[in-house]
Amino acid sequence: MVVKRLIFIFIFNFRLNAYILLKRTSYKMILEINKRFDEKLKDLNNSLPKLKVNVNCAELTLTSVLEVLGIDNYVFHNAAIPLAGGFGGYKSKNGWQGACGAVCGGCAAIGVTMGGKKRMDNETMIKAYLKAAKFASEFEKEFGAVVCTELCGYDFSQPEVIIEYRNSGTWEKKCYHYVVWAVDHVRKFTQIELKDKWK
């Protein structure tokens, strides 16, 4: 009887200590990830307004989050680049234009963060859809639109406009703020996944 009681106490204490250690580790991990996000946001606020080449809001949003997660692969850079300027300046015959690259890159970053290091299952996929929609909705509340043309005032469906945009100072005055906001809000929308899937 005494031996059984001692074994029970030992197992209980072992599990309790393991649980406490896990909680401390998770807490430390989320603090570390938040610290990396804070450092990245500070870096973006300092460097983006001065950026003159390789300005691409979709790429910068997605890869900034990936950098915080320890992922650097030019496949992601290349995948995000055509999304900037409202899906590369896409304009439908009905006049519909694409979303800001920071929104596109932010939604992609939500997907990567939520999926972790494997493909999402169906339940996580549905949650990712909902978080991406909420992210876009919050972006629209903050800035008044999600459509690139409405945000920056340039219609990128005309190639000559890209040069005009680059010379206008719009990136330095407006657009880089969208990237910083998007990176910060990807963190806010994916706190649970950052803790659980990015240890």
N, C-alpha and C. Protein backbone atom coordinates (compact mmCIF):
# COMPACT_ATOMS: atom_id res chain seq x y z
N MET A 1 0.81 -1.19 0.00
CA MET A 1 0.00 0.00 0.00
C MET A 1 0.86 1.26 0.00
N VAL A 2 1.87 1.28 0.85
CA VAL A 2 2.77 2.43 0.93
C VAL A 2 3.54 2.60 -0.37
N VAL A 3 3.94 1.49 -0.97
CA VAL A 3 4.69 1.55 -2.23
C VAL A 3 3.81 2.13 -3.33
N LYS A 4 2.54 1.68 -3.39
CA LYS A 4 1.62 2.21 -4.40
C LYS A 4 1.41 3.71 -4.21
N ARG A 5 1.26 4.12 -2.96
CA ARG A 5 1.07 5.53 -2.66
C ARG A 5 2.31 6.33 -3.08
N LEU A 6 3.49 5.83 -2.80
CA LEU A 6 4.74 6.51 -3.18
C LEU A 6 4.87 6.60 -4.70
N ILE A 7 4.49 5.51 -5.37
CA ILE A 7 4.54 5.53 -6.84
C ILE A 7 3.56 6.57 -7.38
N PHE A 8 2.34 6.61 -6.81
CA PHE A 8 1.35 7.59 -7.23
C PHE A 8 1.87 9.01 -7.02
N ILE A 9 2.44 9.27 -5.86
CA ILE A 9 2.98 10.61 -5.55
C ILE A 9 4.12 10.95 -6.52
N PHE A 10 4.98 9.99 -6.80
CA PHE A 10 6.09 10.22 -7.72
C PHE A 10 5.56 10.57 -9.11
N ILE A 11 4.61 9.77 -9.61
CA ILE A 11 4.05 10.01 -10.95
C ILE A 11 3.33 11.36 -10.99
N PHE A 12 2.55 11.66 -9.97
CA PHE A 12 1.84 12.94 -9.91
C PHE A 12 2.83 14.11 -9.94
N ASN A 13 3.87 14.05 -9.11
CA ASN A 13 4.87 15.12 -9.06
C ASN A 13 5.62 15.23 -10.39
N PHE A 14 5.92 14.09 -11.00
CA PHE A 14 6.61 14.10 -12.28
C PHE A 14 5.76 14.80 -13.34
N ARG A 15 4.47 14.43 -13.40
CA ARG A 15 3.57 15.05 -14.38
C ARG A 15 3.37 16.54 -14.10
N LEU A 16 3.24 16.88 -12.83
CA LEU A 16 3.07 18.29 -12.46
C LEU A 16 4.30 19.10 -12.86
N ASN A 17 5.47 18.58 -12.55
CA ASN A 17 6.71 19.28 -12.93
C ASN A 17 6.86 19.38 -14.45
N ALA A 18 6.48 18.32 -15.16
CA ALA A 18 6.55 18.35 -16.62
C ALA A 18 5.60 19.41 -17.17
N TYR A 19 4.39 19.49 -16.60
CA TYR A 19 3.42 20.49 -17.01
C TYR A 19 3.94 21.90 -16.76
N ILE A 20 4.48 22.14 -15.58
CA ILE A 20 5.03 23.46 -15.24
C ILE A 20 6.18 23.82 -16.17
N LEU A 21 7.05 22.86 -16.45
CA LEU A 21 8.17 23.10 -17.36
C LEU A 21 7.66 23.44 -18.76
N LEU A 22 6.65 22.70 -19.21
CA LEU A 22 6.07 22.96 -20.52
C LEU A 22 5.47 24.36 -20.59
N LYS A 23 4.74 24.76 -19.56
CA LYS A 23 4.15 26.10 -19.52
C LYS A 23 5.23 27.17 -19.53
N ARG A 24 6.27 26.97 -18.73
CA ARG A 24 7.38 27.94 -18.70
C ARG A 24 8.06 28.02 -20.05
N THR A 25 8.28 26.85 -20.68
CA THR A 25 8.94 26.82 -21.98
C THR A 25 8.07 27.52 -23.02
N SER A 26 6.75 27.24 -23.00
CA SER A 26 5.84 27.91 -23.95
C SER A 26 5.83 29.41 -23.72
N TYR A 27 5.80 29.82 -22.47
CA TYR A 27 5.80 31.24 -22.14
C TYR A 27 7.09 31.90 -22.61
N LYS A 28 8.22 31.25 -22.35
CA LYS A 28 9.51 31.79 -22.79
C LYS A 28 9.56 31.87 -24.31
N MET A 29 9.00 30.83 -24.97
CA MET A 29 9.02 30.79 -26.42
C MET A 29 8.20 31.94 -27.02
N ILE A 30 7.02 32.17 -26.48
CA ILE A 30 6.19 33.25 -27.02
C ILE A 30 6.83 34.61 -26.73
N LEU A 31 7.49 34.73 -25.58
CA LEU A 31 8.23 35.97 -25.30
C LEU A 31 9.35 36.17 -26.31
N GLU A 32 10.05 35.09 -26.64
CA GLU A 32 11.15 35.17 -27.61
C GLU A 32 10.62 35.53 -29.00
N ILE A 33 9.53 34.91 -29.42
CA ILE A 33 8.95 35.22 -30.73
C ILE A 33 8.47 36.67 -30.76
N ASN A 34 7.81 37.12 -29.70
CA ASN A 34 7.35 38.51 -29.65
C ASN A 34 8.52 39.48 -29.66
N LYS A 35 9.61 39.12 -29.00
CA LYS A 35 10.82 39.96 -29.02
C LYS A 35 11.36 40.06 -30.45
N ARG A 36 11.38 38.93 -31.17
CA ARG A 36 11.86 38.95 -32.56
C ARG A 36 10.93 39.79 -33.44
N PHE A 37 9.61 39.69 -33.21
CA PHE A 37 8.68 40.54 -33.95
C PHE A 37 8.92 42.01 -33.64
N ASP A 38 9.09 42.34 -32.37
CA ASP A 38 9.35 43.73 -31.99
C ASP A 38 10.61 44.27 -32.67
N GLU A 39 11.66 43.45 -32.69
CA GLU A 39 12.91 43.87 -33.35
C GLU A 39 12.70 44.05 -34.84
N LYS A 40 11.95 43.13 -35.46
CA LYS A 40 11.68 43.22 -36.89
C LYS A 40 10.86 44.47 -37.19
N LEU A 41 9.86 44.77 -36.39
CA LEU A 41 9.04 45.97 -36.61
C LEU A 41 9.87 47.24 -36.48
N LYS A 42 10.75 47.27 -35.50
CA LYS A 42 11.64 48.42 -35.34
C LYS A 42 12.54 48.58 -36.57
N ASP A 43 13.09 47.45 -37.03
CA ASP A 43 13.93 47.47 -38.23
C ASP A 43 13.14 47.95 -39.44
N LEU A 44 11.92 47.45 -39.61
CA LEU A 44 11.10 47.86 -40.75
C LEU A 44 10.77 49.35 -40.70
N ASN A 45 10.41 49.85 -39.54
CA ASN A 45 10.12 51.28 -39.40
C ASN A 45 11.32 52.14 -39.74
N ASN A 46 12.52 51.64 -39.45
CA ASN A 46 13.74 52.40 -39.76
C ASN A 46 14.18 52.25 -41.21
N SER A 47 14.08 51.05 -41.75
CA SER A 47 14.65 50.80 -43.07
C SER A 47 13.69 51.01 -44.24
N LEU A 48 12.42 50.69 -44.06
CA LEU A 48 11.50 50.75 -45.21
C LEU A 48 11.32 52.14 -45.81
N PRO A 49 11.20 53.21 -45.02
CA PRO A 49 11.03 54.52 -45.66
C PRO A 49 12.21 54.91 -46.54
N LYS A 50 13.38 54.36 -46.27
CA LYS A 50 14.59 54.70 -47.03
C LYS A 50 14.79 53.78 -48.24
N LEU A 51 14.01 52.72 -48.32
CA LEU A 51 14.19 51.71 -49.36
C LEU A 51 13.87 52.30 -50.73
N LYS A 52 14.81 52.17 -51.66
CA LYS A 52 14.63 52.72 -53.00
C LYS A 52 14.57 51.63 -54.08
N VAL A 53 15.17 50.47 -53.81
CA VAL A 53 15.13 49.36 -54.77
C VAL A 53 14.51 48.15 -54.07
N ASN A 54 14.00 47.25 -54.87
CA ASN A 54 13.35 46.04 -54.36
C ASN A 54 12.19 46.37 -53.42
N VAL A 55 11.48 47.43 -53.73
CA VAL A 55 10.30 47.81 -52.95
C VAL A 55 9.14 46.94 -53.44
N ASN A 56 8.69 46.06 -52.58
CA ASN A 56 7.58 45.18 -52.93
C ASN A 56 6.84 44.83 -51.65
N CYS A 57 5.66 45.39 -51.50
CA CYS A 57 4.93 45.25 -50.23
C CYS A 57 4.55 43.80 -49.92
N ALA A 58 4.16 43.03 -50.92
CA ALA A 58 3.78 41.64 -50.68
C ALA A 58 4.99 40.83 -50.22
N GLU A 59 6.08 40.97 -50.93
CA GLU A 59 7.30 40.24 -50.57
C GLU A 59 7.80 40.66 -49.19
N LEU A 60 7.86 41.95 -48.94
CA LEU A 60 8.38 42.43 -47.65
C LEU A 60 7.51 41.99 -46.48
N THR A 61 6.21 41.95 -46.66
CA THR A 61 5.32 41.51 -45.59
C THR A 61 5.52 40.03 -45.30
N LEU A 62 5.41 39.20 -46.32
CA LEU A 62 5.54 37.76 -46.13
C LEU A 62 6.92 37.38 -45.60
N THR A 63 7.96 37.89 -46.23
CA THR A 63 9.31 37.45 -45.84
C THR A 63 9.76 38.03 -44.50
N SER A 64 9.19 39.16 -44.09
CA SER A 64 9.51 39.68 -42.76
C SER A 64 8.98 38.73 -41.67
N VAL A 65 7.77 38.24 -41.87
CA VAL A 65 7.22 37.27 -40.91
C VAL A 65 8.03 35.98 -40.96
N LEU A 66 8.35 35.52 -42.16
CA LEU A 66 9.12 34.28 -42.29
C LEU A 66 10.50 34.41 -41.64
N GLU A 67 11.10 35.58 -41.77
CA GLU A 67 12.40 35.81 -41.15
C GLU A 67 12.31 35.68 -39.63
N VAL A 68 11.24 36.20 -39.04
CA VAL A 68 11.03 36.06 -37.60
C VAL A 68 10.93 34.58 -37.23
N LEU A 69 10.31 33.79 -38.11
CA LEU A 69 10.14 32.36 -37.86
C LEU A 69 11.39 31.54 -38.20
N GLY A 70 12.40 32.19 -38.75
CA GLY A 70 13.63 31.48 -39.09
C GLY A 70 13.61 30.82 -40.45
N ILE A 71 12.74 31.30 -41.34
CA ILE A 71 12.64 30.73 -42.69
C ILE A 71 13.15 31.76 -43.68
N ASP A 72 14.11 31.36 -44.49
CA ASP A 72 14.58 32.25 -45.56
C ASP A 72 14.81 31.39 -46.78
N ASN A 73 13.89 31.50 -47.72
CA ASN A 73 13.95 30.72 -48.94
C ASN A 73 13.45 31.61 -50.07
N TYR A 74 14.23 31.76 -51.10
CA TYR A 74 13.85 32.67 -52.18
C TYR A 74 12.62 32.21 -52.94
N VAL A 75 12.18 30.99 -52.73
CA VAL A 75 10.93 30.55 -53.32
C VAL A 75 9.79 31.43 -52.81
N PHE A 76 9.79 31.73 -51.51
CA PHE A 76 8.75 32.58 -50.93
C PHE A 76 8.85 34.01 -51.46
N HIS A 77 10.06 34.53 -51.58
CA HIS A 77 10.24 35.87 -52.14
C HIS A 77 9.62 35.92 -53.53
N ASN A 78 10.01 34.95 -54.35
CA ASN A 78 9.55 34.94 -55.74
C ASN A 78 8.05 34.71 -55.86
N ALA A 79 7.49 33.92 -54.95
CA ALA A 79 6.03 33.67 -54.98
C ALA A 79 5.25 34.93 -54.63
N ALA A 80 5.79 35.75 -53.73
CA ALA A 80 5.07 36.94 -53.27
C ALA A 80 5.20 38.13 -54.22
N ILE A 81 6.30 38.23 -54.92
CA ILE A 81 6.58 39.42 -55.75
C ILE A 81 5.43 39.78 -56.70
N PRO A 82 4.86 38.84 -57.46
CA PRO A 82 3.81 39.23 -58.41
C PRO A 82 2.50 39.68 -57.75
N LEU A 83 2.37 39.49 -56.44
CA LEU A 83 1.13 39.87 -55.76
C LEU A 83 1.06 41.37 -55.46
N ALA A 84 2.19 42.05 -55.47
CA ALA A 84 2.22 43.48 -55.17
C ALA A 84 1.50 44.27 -56.27
N GLY A 85 1.10 45.47 -55.93
CA GLY A 85 0.44 46.33 -56.91
C GLY A 85 -0.95 45.84 -57.28
N GLY A 86 -1.59 45.10 -56.39
CA GLY A 86 -2.93 44.59 -56.69
C GLY A 86 -2.87 43.44 -57.67
N PHE A 87 -2.19 42.38 -57.31
CA PHE A 87 -1.97 41.20 -58.17
C PHE A 87 -1.24 41.60 -59.45
N GLY A 88 -0.17 42.37 -59.27
CA GLY A 88 0.65 42.77 -60.41
C GLY A 88 -0.04 43.79 -61.31
N GLY A 89 -0.94 44.56 -60.74
CA GLY A 89 -1.64 45.57 -61.54
C GLY A 89 -2.83 45.02 -62.29
N TYR A 90 -3.34 43.88 -61.88
CA TYR A 90 -4.48 43.28 -62.57
C TYR A 90 -5.70 44.20 -62.52
N LYS A 91 -6.36 44.27 -63.66
CA LYS A 91 -7.61 45.03 -63.74
C LYS A 91 -8.57 44.23 -64.62
N SER A 92 -9.71 43.84 -64.05
CA SER A 92 -10.67 43.04 -64.82
C SER A 92 -11.39 43.93 -65.84
N LYS A 93 -12.06 43.29 -66.77
CA LYS A 93 -12.79 44.08 -67.77
C LYS A 93 -13.94 44.85 -67.14
N ASN A 94 -14.34 44.47 -65.93
CA ASN A 94 -15.37 45.20 -65.18
C ASN A 94 -14.78 46.25 -64.26
N GLY A 95 -13.44 46.39 -64.27
CA GLY A 95 -12.80 47.42 -63.47
C GLY A 95 -12.32 46.97 -62.10
N TRP A 96 -12.55 45.69 -61.73
CA TRP A 96 -12.09 45.19 -60.43
C TRP A 96 -10.58 45.15 -60.40
N GLN A 97 -9.99 45.61 -59.30
CA GLN A 97 -8.55 45.58 -59.13
C GLN A 97 -8.18 44.86 -57.85
N GLY A 98 -6.95 44.37 -57.80
CA GLY A 98 -6.51 43.51 -56.71
C GLY A 98 -6.15 44.22 -55.42
N ALA A 99 -6.01 43.41 -54.40
CA ALA A 99 -5.70 43.89 -53.05
C ALA A 99 -4.26 44.36 -52.95
N CYS A 100 -4.03 45.23 -51.99
CA CYS A 100 -2.70 45.70 -51.64
C CYS A 100 -1.79 44.50 -51.37
N GLY A 101 -0.55 44.60 -51.77
CA GLY A 101 0.40 43.52 -51.55
C GLY A 101 0.63 43.22 -50.09
N ALA A 102 0.52 44.22 -49.22
CA ALA A 102 0.68 43.96 -47.78
C ALA A 102 -0.45 43.07 -47.27
N VAL A 103 -1.64 43.21 -47.85
CA VAL A 103 -2.76 42.34 -47.47
C VAL A 103 -2.51 40.93 -48.01
N CYS A 104 -2.09 40.83 -49.26
CA CYS A 104 -1.81 39.52 -49.86
C CYS A 104 -0.67 38.82 -49.11
N GLY A 105 0.42 39.55 -48.87
CA GLY A 105 1.55 38.97 -48.16
C GLY A 105 1.18 38.61 -46.73
N GLY A 106 0.35 39.43 -46.09
CA GLY A 106 -0.10 39.14 -44.73
C GLY A 106 -0.96 37.89 -44.68
N CYS A 107 -1.84 37.73 -45.64
CA CYS A 107 -2.67 36.51 -45.68
C CYS A 107 -1.81 35.28 -45.93
N ALA A 108 -0.82 35.39 -46.80
CA ALA A 108 0.10 34.27 -47.04
C ALA A 108 0.88 33.95 -45.76
N ALA A 109 1.31 34.99 -45.04
CA ALA A 109 2.05 34.78 -43.79
C ALA A 109 1.17 34.12 -42.73
N ILE A 110 -0.11 34.47 -42.70
CA ILE A 110 -1.04 33.80 -41.78
C ILE A 110 -1.10 32.32 -42.13
N GLY A 111 -1.17 32.00 -43.40
CA GLY A 111 -1.20 30.60 -43.83
C GLY A 111 0.04 29.83 -43.42
N VAL A 112 1.21 30.41 -43.66
CA VAL A 112 2.45 29.74 -43.28
C VAL A 112 2.51 29.55 -41.77
N THR A 113 2.17 30.59 -41.04
CA THR A 113 2.22 30.52 -39.58
C THR A 113 1.25 29.49 -39.04
N MET A 114 0.04 29.46 -39.55
CA MET A 114 -0.96 28.52 -39.06
C MET A 114 -0.65 27.09 -39.46
N GLY A 115 -0.07 26.91 -40.63
CA GLY A 115 0.25 25.56 -41.08
C GLY A 115 1.42 24.94 -40.35
N GLY A 116 2.30 25.78 -39.85
CA GLY A 116 3.49 25.25 -39.19
C GLY A 116 4.41 24.63 -40.22
N LYS A 117 4.99 23.51 -39.88
CA LYS A 117 5.98 22.89 -40.75
C LYS A 117 5.41 21.74 -41.56
N LYS A 118 4.07 21.71 -41.67
CA LYS A 118 3.42 20.70 -42.51
C LYS A 118 2.17 21.33 -43.13
N ARG A 119 1.58 20.63 -44.10
CA ARG A 119 0.39 21.15 -44.74
C ARG A 119 -0.76 21.19 -43.74
N MET A 120 -1.58 22.24 -43.84
CA MET A 120 -2.73 22.37 -42.94
C MET A 120 -3.72 21.24 -43.15
N ASP A 121 -4.35 20.82 -42.06
CA ASP A 121 -5.49 19.92 -42.18
C ASP A 121 -6.73 20.77 -42.49
N ASN A 122 -7.86 20.12 -42.74
CA ASN A 122 -9.07 20.84 -43.15
C ASN A 122 -9.56 21.82 -42.10
N GLU A 123 -9.52 21.43 -40.82
CA GLU A 123 -9.98 22.31 -39.76
C GLU A 123 -9.12 23.58 -39.67
N THR A 124 -7.81 23.40 -39.76
CA THR A 124 -6.90 24.54 -39.71
C THR A 124 -7.09 25.42 -40.94
N MET A 125 -7.37 24.79 -42.09
CA MET A 125 -7.58 25.55 -43.32
C MET A 125 -8.78 26.49 -43.17
N ILE A 126 -9.85 25.99 -42.59
CA ILE A 126 -11.04 26.84 -42.37
C ILE A 126 -10.70 28.00 -41.43
N LYS A 127 -9.96 27.70 -40.38
CA LYS A 127 -9.54 28.76 -39.45
C LYS A 127 -8.66 29.78 -40.16
N ALA A 128 -7.80 29.31 -41.04
CA ALA A 128 -6.92 30.23 -41.79
C ALA A 128 -7.74 31.14 -42.70
N TYR A 129 -8.77 30.59 -43.35
CA TYR A 129 -9.66 31.42 -44.17
C TYR A 129 -10.26 32.53 -43.33
N LEU A 130 -10.78 32.14 -42.17
CA LEU A 130 -11.45 33.11 -41.31
C LEU A 130 -10.49 34.17 -40.78
N LYS A 131 -9.29 33.75 -40.42
CA LYS A 131 -8.30 34.72 -39.92
C LYS A 131 -7.86 35.66 -41.04
N ALA A 132 -7.69 35.13 -42.24
CA ALA A 132 -7.31 35.98 -43.38
C ALA A 132 -8.40 37.01 -43.67
N ALA A 133 -9.66 36.58 -43.62
CA ALA A 133 -10.77 37.51 -43.86
C ALA A 133 -10.82 38.58 -42.77
N LYS A 134 -10.62 38.17 -41.52
CA LYS A 134 -10.62 39.13 -40.41
C LYS A 134 -9.44 40.10 -40.55
N PHE A 135 -8.29 39.57 -40.95
CA PHE A 135 -7.10 40.39 -41.17
C PHE A 135 -7.40 41.47 -42.22
N ALA A 136 -7.96 41.06 -43.35
CA ALA A 136 -8.29 42.02 -44.42
C ALA A 136 -9.33 43.03 -43.94
N SER A 137 -10.29 42.57 -43.18
CA SER A 137 -11.32 43.47 -42.64
C SER A 137 -10.71 44.51 -41.69
N GLU A 138 -9.82 44.08 -40.83
CA GLU A 138 -9.15 45.00 -39.90
C GLU A 138 -8.25 45.98 -40.66
N PHE A 139 -7.60 45.51 -41.71
CA PHE A 139 -6.78 46.38 -42.54
C PHE A 139 -7.67 47.47 -43.15
N GLU A 140 -8.82 47.06 -43.68
CA GLU A 140 -9.73 48.02 -44.30
C GLU A 140 -10.25 49.04 -43.27
N LYS A 141 -10.54 48.57 -42.06
CA LYS A 141 -10.96 49.50 -40.99
C LYS A 141 -9.88 50.52 -40.69
N GLU A 142 -8.63 50.05 -40.67
CA GLU A 142 -7.51 50.93 -40.32
C GLU A 142 -7.20 51.93 -41.43
N PHE A 143 -7.24 51.48 -42.69
CA PHE A 143 -6.76 52.33 -43.79
C PHE A 143 -7.84 52.75 -44.78
N GLY A 144 -9.06 52.26 -44.63
CA GLY A 144 -10.16 52.69 -45.48
C GLY A 144 -10.37 51.89 -46.75
N ALA A 145 -9.49 50.97 -47.06
CA ALA A 145 -9.60 50.15 -48.27
C ALA A 145 -8.61 48.99 -48.19
N VAL A 146 -8.80 48.00 -49.05
CA VAL A 146 -7.79 46.95 -49.22
C VAL A 146 -7.25 46.95 -50.65
N VAL A 147 -7.93 47.62 -51.55
CA VAL A 147 -7.52 47.66 -52.96
C VAL A 147 -6.31 48.59 -53.11
N CYS A 148 -5.29 48.08 -53.75
CA CYS A 148 -4.03 48.82 -53.91
C CYS A 148 -4.25 50.21 -54.50
N THR A 149 -4.97 50.28 -55.59
CA THR A 149 -5.19 51.56 -56.27
C THR A 149 -5.86 52.59 -55.35
N GLU A 150 -6.81 52.14 -54.56
CA GLU A 150 -7.50 53.05 -53.64
C GLU A 150 -6.58 53.53 -52.52
N LEU A 151 -5.65 52.69 -52.13
CA LEU A 151 -4.73 53.04 -51.04
C LEU A 151 -3.62 53.98 -51.48
N CYS A 152 -3.03 53.68 -52.63
CA CYS A 152 -1.85 54.48 -53.04
C CYS A 152 -2.15 55.50 -54.11
N GLY A 153 -3.30 55.35 -54.79
CA GLY A 153 -3.67 56.32 -55.81
C GLY A 153 -3.07 56.07 -57.18
N TYR A 154 -2.49 54.89 -57.39
CA TYR A 154 -1.87 54.57 -58.68
C TYR A 154 -2.48 53.31 -59.25
N ASP A 155 -2.74 53.33 -60.55
CA ASP A 155 -3.30 52.19 -61.27
C ASP A 155 -2.15 51.44 -61.95
N PHE A 156 -1.71 50.36 -61.34
CA PHE A 156 -0.55 49.63 -61.85
C PHE A 156 -0.86 48.76 -63.05
N SER A 157 -2.07 48.83 -63.58
CA SER A 157 -2.37 48.09 -64.81
C SER A 157 -1.70 48.76 -66.01
N GLN A 158 -1.19 49.96 -65.80
CA GLN A 158 -0.46 50.68 -66.84
C GLN A 158 1.03 50.71 -66.46
N PRO A 159 1.90 50.03 -67.22
CA PRO A 159 3.31 49.89 -66.83
C PRO A 159 4.04 51.21 -66.55
N GLU A 160 3.73 52.26 -67.27
CA GLU A 160 4.42 53.53 -67.04
C GLU A 160 4.12 54.13 -65.67
N VAL A 161 3.02 53.71 -65.07
CA VAL A 161 2.63 54.22 -63.76
C VAL A 161 3.60 53.73 -62.67
N ILE A 162 4.21 52.58 -62.88
CA ILE A 162 5.16 52.05 -61.89
C ILE A 162 6.31 53.03 -61.68
N ILE A 163 6.83 53.59 -62.76
CA ILE A 163 7.92 54.56 -62.65
C ILE A 163 7.42 55.83 -61.96
N GLU A 164 6.24 56.26 -62.34
CA GLU A 164 5.64 57.45 -61.70
C GLU A 164 5.48 57.22 -60.19
N TYR A 165 5.00 56.02 -59.83
CA TYR A 165 4.83 55.68 -58.41
C TYR A 165 6.17 55.74 -57.68
N ARG A 166 7.19 55.14 -58.26
CA ARG A 166 8.51 55.10 -57.61
C ARG A 166 9.08 56.50 -57.40
N ASN A 167 8.80 57.40 -58.30
CA ASN A 167 9.32 58.76 -58.19
C ASN A 167 8.46 59.67 -57.31
N SER A 168 7.28 59.22 -56.95
CA SER A 168 6.32 60.09 -56.26
C SER A 168 6.56 60.23 -54.76
N GLY A 169 7.28 59.27 -54.16
CA GLY A 169 7.46 59.29 -52.71
C GLY A 169 6.30 58.64 -51.96
N THR A 170 5.38 58.03 -52.69
CA THR A 170 4.22 57.39 -52.05
C THR A 170 4.64 56.24 -51.14
N TRP A 171 5.66 55.49 -51.56
CA TRP A 171 6.16 54.40 -50.71
C TRP A 171 6.59 54.94 -49.35
N GLU A 172 7.39 56.00 -49.37
CA GLU A 172 7.93 56.56 -48.13
C GLU A 172 6.85 57.22 -47.28
N LYS A 173 5.84 57.79 -47.93
CA LYS A 173 4.79 58.51 -47.21
C LYS A 173 3.66 57.60 -46.73
N LYS A 174 3.33 56.57 -47.51
CA LYS A 174 2.15 55.76 -47.22
C LYS A 174 2.41 54.27 -47.13
N CYS A 175 2.89 53.72 -48.24
CA CYS A 175 2.82 52.27 -48.43
C CYS A 175 3.63 51.46 -47.42
N TYR A 176 4.76 51.96 -46.99
CA TYR A 176 5.55 51.16 -46.05
C TYR A 176 4.79 50.96 -44.74
N HIS A 177 3.90 51.90 -44.39
CA HIS A 177 3.08 51.76 -43.18
C HIS A 177 2.17 50.52 -43.27
N TYR A 178 1.72 50.22 -44.48
CA TYR A 178 0.86 49.06 -44.66
C TYR A 178 1.63 47.77 -44.34
N VAL A 179 2.88 47.73 -44.75
CA VAL A 179 3.73 46.55 -44.49
C VAL A 179 3.94 46.39 -42.99
N VAL A 180 4.31 47.44 -42.31
CA VAL A 180 4.56 47.39 -40.87
C VAL A 180 3.30 46.95 -40.13
N TRP A 181 2.16 47.54 -40.48
CA TRP A 181 0.90 47.16 -39.85
C TRP A 181 0.62 45.68 -40.08
N ALA A 182 0.80 45.23 -41.32
CA ALA A 182 0.49 43.85 -41.68
C ALA A 182 1.36 42.86 -40.90
N VAL A 183 2.65 43.12 -40.80
CA VAL A 183 3.55 42.22 -40.06
C VAL A 183 3.12 42.16 -38.60
N ASP A 184 2.85 43.30 -38.00
CA ASP A 184 2.43 43.33 -36.60
C ASP A 184 1.12 42.59 -36.40
N HIS A 185 0.19 42.73 -37.32
CA HIS A 185 -1.12 42.10 -37.15
C HIS A 185 -1.12 40.61 -37.50
N VAL A 186 -0.20 40.17 -38.33
CA VAL A 186 -0.04 38.72 -38.50
C VAL A 186 0.32 38.11 -37.15
N ARG A 187 1.24 38.76 -36.44
CA ARG A 187 1.61 38.29 -35.10
C ARG A 187 0.37 38.25 -34.19
N LYS A 188 -0.40 39.31 -34.18
CA LYS A 188 -1.56 39.38 -33.29
C LYS A 188 -2.61 38.33 -33.64
N PHE A 189 -2.79 38.05 -34.93
CA PHE A 189 -3.80 37.10 -35.36
C PHE A 189 -3.36 35.64 -35.19
N THR A 190 -2.08 35.40 -34.98
CA THR A 190 -1.58 34.02 -34.94
C THR A 190 -0.82 33.70 -33.66
N GLN A 191 -1.13 34.37 -32.57
CA GLN A 191 -0.42 34.13 -31.30
C GLN A 191 -0.44 32.66 -30.89
N ILE A 192 -1.57 32.01 -30.99
CA ILE A 192 -1.68 30.61 -30.57
C ILE A 192 -0.80 29.73 -31.45
N GLU A 193 -0.86 29.93 -32.76
CA GLU A 193 -0.06 29.11 -33.68
C GLU A 193 1.43 29.39 -33.51
N LEU A 194 1.78 30.63 -33.26
CA LEU A 194 3.19 30.96 -33.03
C LEU A 194 3.71 30.19 -31.83
N LYS A 195 2.90 30.09 -30.80
CA LYS A 195 3.30 29.38 -29.58
C LYS A 195 3.33 27.87 -29.81
N ASP A 196 2.31 27.34 -30.49
CA ASP A 196 2.17 25.90 -30.62
C ASP A 196 2.98 25.28 -31.76
N LYS A 197 3.17 26.01 -32.85
CA LYS A 197 3.77 25.41 -34.04
C LYS A 197 5.16 25.90 -34.38
N TRP A 198 5.65 26.91 -33.69
CA TRP A 198 6.95 27.49 -34.04
C TRP A 198 7.87 27.51 -32.84
N LYS A 199 8.03 26.38 -32.22
CA LYS A 199 8.89 26.26 -31.03
C LYS A 199 10.34 26.20 -31.44
